[in-house]
Amino acid sequence: MKFHVKFTYGSENREKVLQLLHQGALKSEATVKAERIWIAIGAGVGFAILETNDEKALYQLGVTWSDFGELEFTPIIESKNI
């Protein structure tokens, strides 16, 4: 299943968040695939499209990143599949 993730972080965590993304932190999750990641520089907001069938891994990813800000997960499907 695919998920749209909105991640809001404070300015105090900006450098740490960018560092983790540059190090491939989302890509290190074996069962959670980060298809795309976007950062709105200066706005404290990031977006990602994640794909996984492993609910526990998705939960763990959320727990890890919640140290740096708030996450909003929304299950999504491609319109061609409707």
N, C-alpha and C. Protein backbone atom coordinates (compact mmCIF):
# COMPACT_ATOMS: atom_id res chain seq x y z
N MET A 1 0.84 -1.17 0.00
CA MET A 1 0.00 0.00 0.00
C MET A 1 0.89 1.24 0.00
N LYS A 2 0.37 2.31 -0.61
CA LYS A 2 1.11 3.57 -0.66
C LYS A 2 0.53 4.56 0.33
N PHE A 3 1.42 5.42 0.82
CA PHE A 3 1.04 6.44 1.80
C PHE A 3 1.64 7.78 1.41
N HIS A 4 0.82 8.83 1.52
CA HIS A 4 1.32 10.20 1.41
C HIS A 4 1.64 10.62 2.83
N VAL A 5 2.84 11.12 3.04
CA VAL A 5 3.26 11.53 4.38
C VAL A 5 3.58 13.02 4.37
N LYS A 6 2.96 13.73 5.29
CA LYS A 6 3.29 15.14 5.51
C LYS A 6 4.05 15.20 6.83
N PHE A 7 5.22 15.81 6.79
CA PHE A 7 6.08 15.89 7.95
C PHE A 7 6.35 17.36 8.25
N THR A 8 5.95 17.80 9.44
CA THR A 8 6.16 19.19 9.85
C THR A 8 7.19 19.19 10.97
N TYR A 9 8.22 20.01 10.80
CA TYR A 9 9.30 20.05 11.80
C TYR A 9 9.64 21.50 12.14
N GLY A 10 10.16 21.69 13.34
CA GLY A 10 10.53 23.02 13.80
C GLY A 10 11.91 23.43 13.29
N SER A 11 12.17 24.71 13.30
CA SER A 11 13.45 25.22 12.80
C SER A 11 14.63 24.65 13.58
N GLU A 12 14.41 24.30 14.84
CA GLU A 12 15.49 23.74 15.65
C GLU A 12 15.92 22.35 15.15
N ASN A 13 15.07 21.68 14.38
CA ASN A 13 15.39 20.35 13.85
C ASN A 13 15.73 20.34 12.37
N ARG A 14 15.70 21.49 11.72
CA ARG A 14 15.89 21.57 10.27
C ARG A 14 17.19 20.89 9.82
N GLU A 15 18.31 21.24 10.43
CA GLU A 15 19.60 20.68 9.99
C GLU A 15 19.66 19.18 10.22
N LYS A 16 19.13 18.70 11.33
CA LYS A 16 19.13 17.26 11.62
C LYS A 16 18.26 16.52 10.61
N VAL A 17 17.10 17.06 10.28
CA VAL A 17 16.20 16.43 9.30
C VAL A 17 16.88 16.36 7.94
N LEU A 18 17.47 17.46 7.49
CA LEU A 18 18.15 17.46 6.20
C LEU A 18 19.33 16.50 6.18
N GLN A 19 20.06 16.45 7.28
CA GLN A 19 21.20 15.53 7.39
C GLN A 19 20.73 14.08 7.27
N LEU A 20 19.67 13.73 7.97
CA LEU A 20 19.14 12.37 7.90
C LEU A 20 18.67 12.01 6.50
N LEU A 21 18.01 12.95 5.83
CA LEU A 21 17.55 12.70 4.47
C LEU A 21 18.72 12.52 3.52
N HIS A 22 19.75 13.34 3.66
CA HIS A 22 20.93 13.23 2.80
C HIS A 22 21.67 11.92 3.04
N GLN A 23 21.57 11.39 4.25
CA GLN A 23 22.20 10.11 4.58
C GLN A 23 21.34 8.93 4.14
N GLY A 24 20.17 9.21 3.59
CA GLY A 24 19.29 8.15 3.12
C GLY A 24 18.50 7.47 4.22
N ALA A 25 18.16 8.20 5.27
CA ALA A 25 17.46 7.61 6.42
C ALA A 25 16.17 6.90 6.02
N LEU A 26 15.39 7.48 5.13
CA LEU A 26 14.15 6.82 4.72
C LEU A 26 14.42 5.61 3.85
N LYS A 27 15.49 5.63 3.11
CA LYS A 27 15.80 4.53 2.22
C LYS A 27 16.39 3.34 2.95
N SER A 28 16.78 3.53 4.21
CA SER A 28 17.39 2.44 4.97
C SER A 28 16.35 1.46 5.51
N GLU A 29 15.09 1.85 5.47
CA GLU A 29 14.03 0.96 5.92
C GLU A 29 13.79 -0.09 4.84
N ALA A 30 14.19 -1.33 5.12
CA ALA A 30 14.15 -2.39 4.11
C ALA A 30 12.76 -2.66 3.55
N THR A 31 11.75 -2.60 4.40
CA THR A 31 10.40 -2.95 3.93
C THR A 31 9.53 -1.73 3.65
N VAL A 32 10.07 -0.55 3.83
CA VAL A 32 9.35 0.68 3.49
C VAL A 32 10.14 1.38 2.38
N LYS A 33 9.53 1.48 1.21
CA LYS A 33 10.20 2.11 0.07
C LYS A 33 9.76 3.56 -0.04
N ALA A 34 10.73 4.47 -0.03
CA ALA A 34 10.44 5.89 -0.24
C ALA A 34 10.50 6.15 -1.74
N GLU A 35 9.33 6.31 -2.36
CA GLU A 35 9.29 6.55 -3.80
C GLU A 35 9.75 7.94 -4.16
N ARG A 36 9.29 8.94 -3.43
CA ARG A 36 9.67 10.34 -3.68
C ARG A 36 9.66 11.08 -2.35
N ILE A 37 10.55 12.08 -2.24
CA ILE A 37 10.63 12.92 -1.05
C ILE A 37 10.80 14.36 -1.51
N TRP A 38 10.01 15.26 -0.93
CA TRP A 38 10.10 16.69 -1.23
C TRP A 38 10.22 17.46 0.07
N ILE A 39 11.01 18.52 0.05
CA ILE A 39 11.14 19.41 1.20
C ILE A 39 10.80 20.82 0.75
N ALA A 40 9.93 21.49 1.48
CA ALA A 40 9.63 22.90 1.23
C ALA A 40 10.61 23.70 2.07
N ILE A 41 11.72 24.06 1.47
CA ILE A 41 12.79 24.75 2.19
C ILE A 41 12.27 26.05 2.81
N GLY A 42 12.60 26.23 4.07
CA GLY A 42 12.19 27.44 4.78
C GLY A 42 10.79 27.38 5.35
N ALA A 43 10.04 26.34 4.99
CA ALA A 43 8.66 26.24 5.46
C ALA A 43 8.51 25.24 6.60
N GLY A 44 9.52 24.41 6.84
CA GLY A 44 9.44 23.41 7.89
C GLY A 44 8.48 22.29 7.58
N VAL A 45 8.33 21.99 6.27
CA VAL A 45 7.40 20.94 5.85
C VAL A 45 8.09 20.05 4.82
N GLY A 46 7.86 18.76 4.94
CA GLY A 46 8.34 17.81 3.96
C GLY A 46 7.20 16.87 3.57
N PHE A 47 7.32 16.29 2.39
CA PHE A 47 6.31 15.36 1.89
C PHE A 47 7.02 14.13 1.33
N ALA A 48 6.38 12.99 1.43
CA ALA A 48 6.95 11.76 0.87
C ALA A 48 5.83 10.85 0.40
N ILE A 49 6.17 10.03 -0.57
CA ILE A 49 5.30 8.92 -0.97
C ILE A 49 6.05 7.66 -0.55
N LEU A 50 5.44 6.90 0.35
CA LEU A 50 6.04 5.66 0.84
C LEU A 50 5.20 4.48 0.40
N GLU A 51 5.85 3.34 0.20
CA GLU A 51 5.12 2.13 -0.15
C GLU A 51 5.58 1.00 0.76
N THR A 52 4.62 0.28 1.33
CA THR A 52 4.94 -0.85 2.19
C THR A 52 3.71 -1.71 2.43
N ASN A 53 3.94 -2.95 2.76
CA ASN A 53 2.88 -3.84 3.24
C ASN A 53 3.17 -4.24 4.69
N ASP A 54 4.21 -3.66 5.24
CA ASP A 54 4.66 -3.98 6.59
C ASP A 54 4.22 -2.87 7.55
N GLU A 55 3.09 -3.08 8.20
CA GLU A 55 2.54 -2.06 9.10
C GLU A 55 3.47 -1.75 10.27
N LYS A 56 4.13 -2.77 10.78
CA LYS A 56 5.04 -2.58 11.91
C LYS A 56 6.22 -1.69 11.52
N ALA A 57 6.78 -1.91 10.33
CA ALA A 57 7.90 -1.09 9.86
C ALA A 57 7.46 0.36 9.64
N LEU A 58 6.25 0.55 9.13
CA LEU A 58 5.73 1.90 8.92
C LEU A 58 5.55 2.60 10.27
N TYR A 59 5.02 1.87 11.24
CA TYR A 59 4.86 2.42 12.59
C TYR A 59 6.22 2.81 13.17
N GLN A 60 7.20 1.93 13.03
CA GLN A 60 8.53 2.20 13.58
C GLN A 60 9.17 3.41 12.92
N LEU A 61 8.98 3.55 11.62
CA LEU A 61 9.49 4.72 10.91
C LEU A 61 8.85 5.99 11.49
N GLY A 62 7.55 5.94 11.73
CA GLY A 62 6.85 7.08 12.32
C GLY A 62 7.37 7.42 13.70
N VAL A 63 7.62 6.40 14.51
CA VAL A 63 8.14 6.62 15.86
C VAL A 63 9.52 7.28 15.80
N THR A 64 10.37 6.80 14.91
CA THR A 64 11.72 7.34 14.77
C THR A 64 11.69 8.81 14.37
N TRP A 65 10.89 9.14 13.36
CA TRP A 65 10.85 10.51 12.85
C TRP A 65 10.04 11.44 13.74
N SER A 66 9.19 10.91 14.61
CA SER A 66 8.38 11.78 15.48
C SER A 66 9.23 12.54 16.49
N ASP A 67 10.47 12.11 16.69
CA ASP A 67 11.39 12.85 17.56
C ASP A 67 11.70 14.23 17.00
N PHE A 68 11.51 14.41 15.69
CA PHE A 68 11.89 15.65 15.02
C PHE A 68 10.71 16.51 14.60
N GLY A 69 9.50 15.97 14.67
CA GLY A 69 8.33 16.75 14.26
C GLY A 69 7.08 15.89 14.23
N GLU A 70 6.05 16.40 13.57
CA GLU A 70 4.76 15.71 13.49
C GLU A 70 4.59 15.09 12.11
N LEU A 71 4.04 13.89 12.09
CA LEU A 71 3.80 13.17 10.84
C LEU A 71 2.32 12.93 10.64
N GLU A 72 1.90 13.00 9.40
CA GLU A 72 0.51 12.72 9.02
C GLU A 72 0.56 11.71 7.88
N PHE A 73 0.10 10.48 8.12
CA PHE A 73 0.09 9.43 7.11
C PHE A 73 -1.31 9.33 6.50
N THR A 74 -1.39 9.34 5.18
CA THR A 74 -2.66 9.18 4.48
C THR A 74 -2.52 8.06 3.46
N PRO A 75 -3.31 6.98 3.60
CA PRO A 75 -3.26 5.91 2.59
C PRO A 75 -3.76 6.46 1.26
N ILE A 76 -3.08 6.10 0.17
CA ILE A 76 -3.48 6.58 -1.15
C ILE A 76 -3.48 5.43 -2.16
N ILE A 77 -4.25 5.61 -3.23
CA ILE A 77 -4.21 4.69 -4.36
C ILE A 77 -4.11 5.52 -5.64
N GLU A 78 -3.56 4.92 -6.67
CA GLU A 78 -3.45 5.62 -7.94
C GLU A 78 -4.82 5.68 -8.60
N SER A 79 -5.14 6.81 -9.21
CA SER A 79 -6.47 7.00 -9.79
C SER A 79 -6.78 5.99 -10.88
N LYS A 80 -5.76 5.48 -11.56
CA LYS A 80 -6.01 4.49 -12.61
C LYS A 80 -6.51 3.17 -12.03
N ASN A 81 -6.36 2.97 -10.72
CA ASN A 81 -6.81 1.74 -10.06
C ASN A 81 -8.24 1.84 -9.52
N ILE A 82 -8.88 2.99 -9.74
CA ILE A 82 -10.24 3.17 -9.22
C ILE A 82 -11.24 2.74 -10.27
